[in-house]
Amino acid sequence: MTNEHPLIAALAEIGPTLDTILDATSGYRAKCIQQDFSPTAAESMAMHYHAELVRMVFSGIGKN
């Protein structure tokens, strides 16, 4: 165990999860554009997708 602040340690642990969420969101945006959605629509859809992924991943925090 290190002397790091608990928040710093927690952020270090969730880094890979956040990277995965960002990669998924970027891929979703690219797929939307590939499927002929406008860049604006694809951006909006990806934003909502990102928000939902973050909500799902972190919805259980603090419920114990």
Protein backbone atom coordinates (compact mmCIF):
# COMPACT_ATOMS: atom_id res chain seq x y z
CA MET A 1 0.00 0.00 0.00
CA THR A 2 1.27 3.42 -0.86
CA ASN A 3 0.75 6.73 0.90
CA GLU A 4 -1.22 8.12 -2.05
CA HIS A 5 -4.45 9.94 -1.44
CA PRO A 6 -7.38 7.48 -1.91
CA LEU A 7 -8.82 9.57 -4.75
CA ILE A 8 -5.56 9.42 -6.69
CA ALA A 9 -5.37 5.66 -6.20
CA ALA A 10 -8.99 5.25 -7.33
CA LEU A 11 -8.42 7.36 -10.44
CA ALA A 12 -5.37 5.28 -11.32
CA GLU A 13 -7.46 2.13 -11.04
CA ILE A 14 -10.26 3.38 -13.28
CA GLY A 15 -7.93 4.75 -15.95
CA PRO A 16 -8.12 1.63 -18.12
CA THR A 17 -11.92 1.61 -17.85
CA LEU A 18 -12.09 5.23 -18.95
CA ASP A 19 -9.75 4.47 -21.86
CA THR A 20 -12.08 1.65 -22.94
CA ILE A 21 -15.10 3.95 -22.74
CA LEU A 22 -13.35 6.60 -24.84
CA ASP A 23 -12.28 4.01 -27.42
CA ALA A 24 -15.83 2.63 -27.62
CA THR A 25 -17.26 6.12 -28.01
CA SER A 26 -14.81 7.02 -30.76
CA GLY A 27 -15.58 3.79 -32.57
CA TYR A 28 -19.31 4.39 -32.28
CA ARG A 29 -18.96 7.90 -33.69
CA ALA A 30 -16.91 6.60 -36.62
CA LYS A 31 -19.46 3.84 -37.26
CA CYS A 32 -22.29 6.40 -37.26
CA ILE A 33 -20.47 8.50 -39.85
CA GLN A 34 -19.75 5.38 -41.90
CA GLN A 35 -23.50 4.67 -41.85
CA ASP A 36 -24.13 8.10 -43.41
CA PHE A 37 -25.18 10.04 -40.33
CA SER A 38 -24.06 13.64 -40.47
CA PRO A 39 -21.00 14.53 -38.38
CA THR A 40 -23.23 16.60 -36.10
CA ALA A 41 -25.66 13.73 -35.56
CA ALA A 42 -22.80 11.27 -35.05
CA GLU A 43 -21.24 13.58 -32.47
CA SER A 44 -24.51 13.91 -30.60
CA MET A 45 -25.14 10.16 -30.67
CA ALA A 46 -21.62 9.45 -29.46
CA MET A 47 -22.02 11.97 -26.64
CA HIS A 48 -25.17 10.23 -25.44
CA TYR A 49 -23.51 6.83 -25.80
CA HIS A 50 -20.55 8.04 -23.73
CA ALA A 51 -22.80 9.41 -21.00
CA GLU A 52 -24.72 6.14 -20.81
CA LEU A 53 -21.55 4.05 -20.62
CA VAL A 54 -20.20 6.23 -17.81
CA ARG A 55 -23.54 5.99 -16.00
CA MET A 56 -23.59 2.19 -16.29
CA VAL A 57 -20.00 1.73 -15.17
CA PHE A 58 -20.20 4.07 -12.20
CA SER A 59 -23.83 3.64 -11.12
CA GLY A 60 -22.92 1.31 -8.26
CA ILE A 61 -20.32 3.55 -6.65
CA GLY A 62 -21.22 4.59 -3.13
CA LYS A 63 -24.16 2.24 -2.78
CA ASN A 64 -22.47 -0.11 -0.30
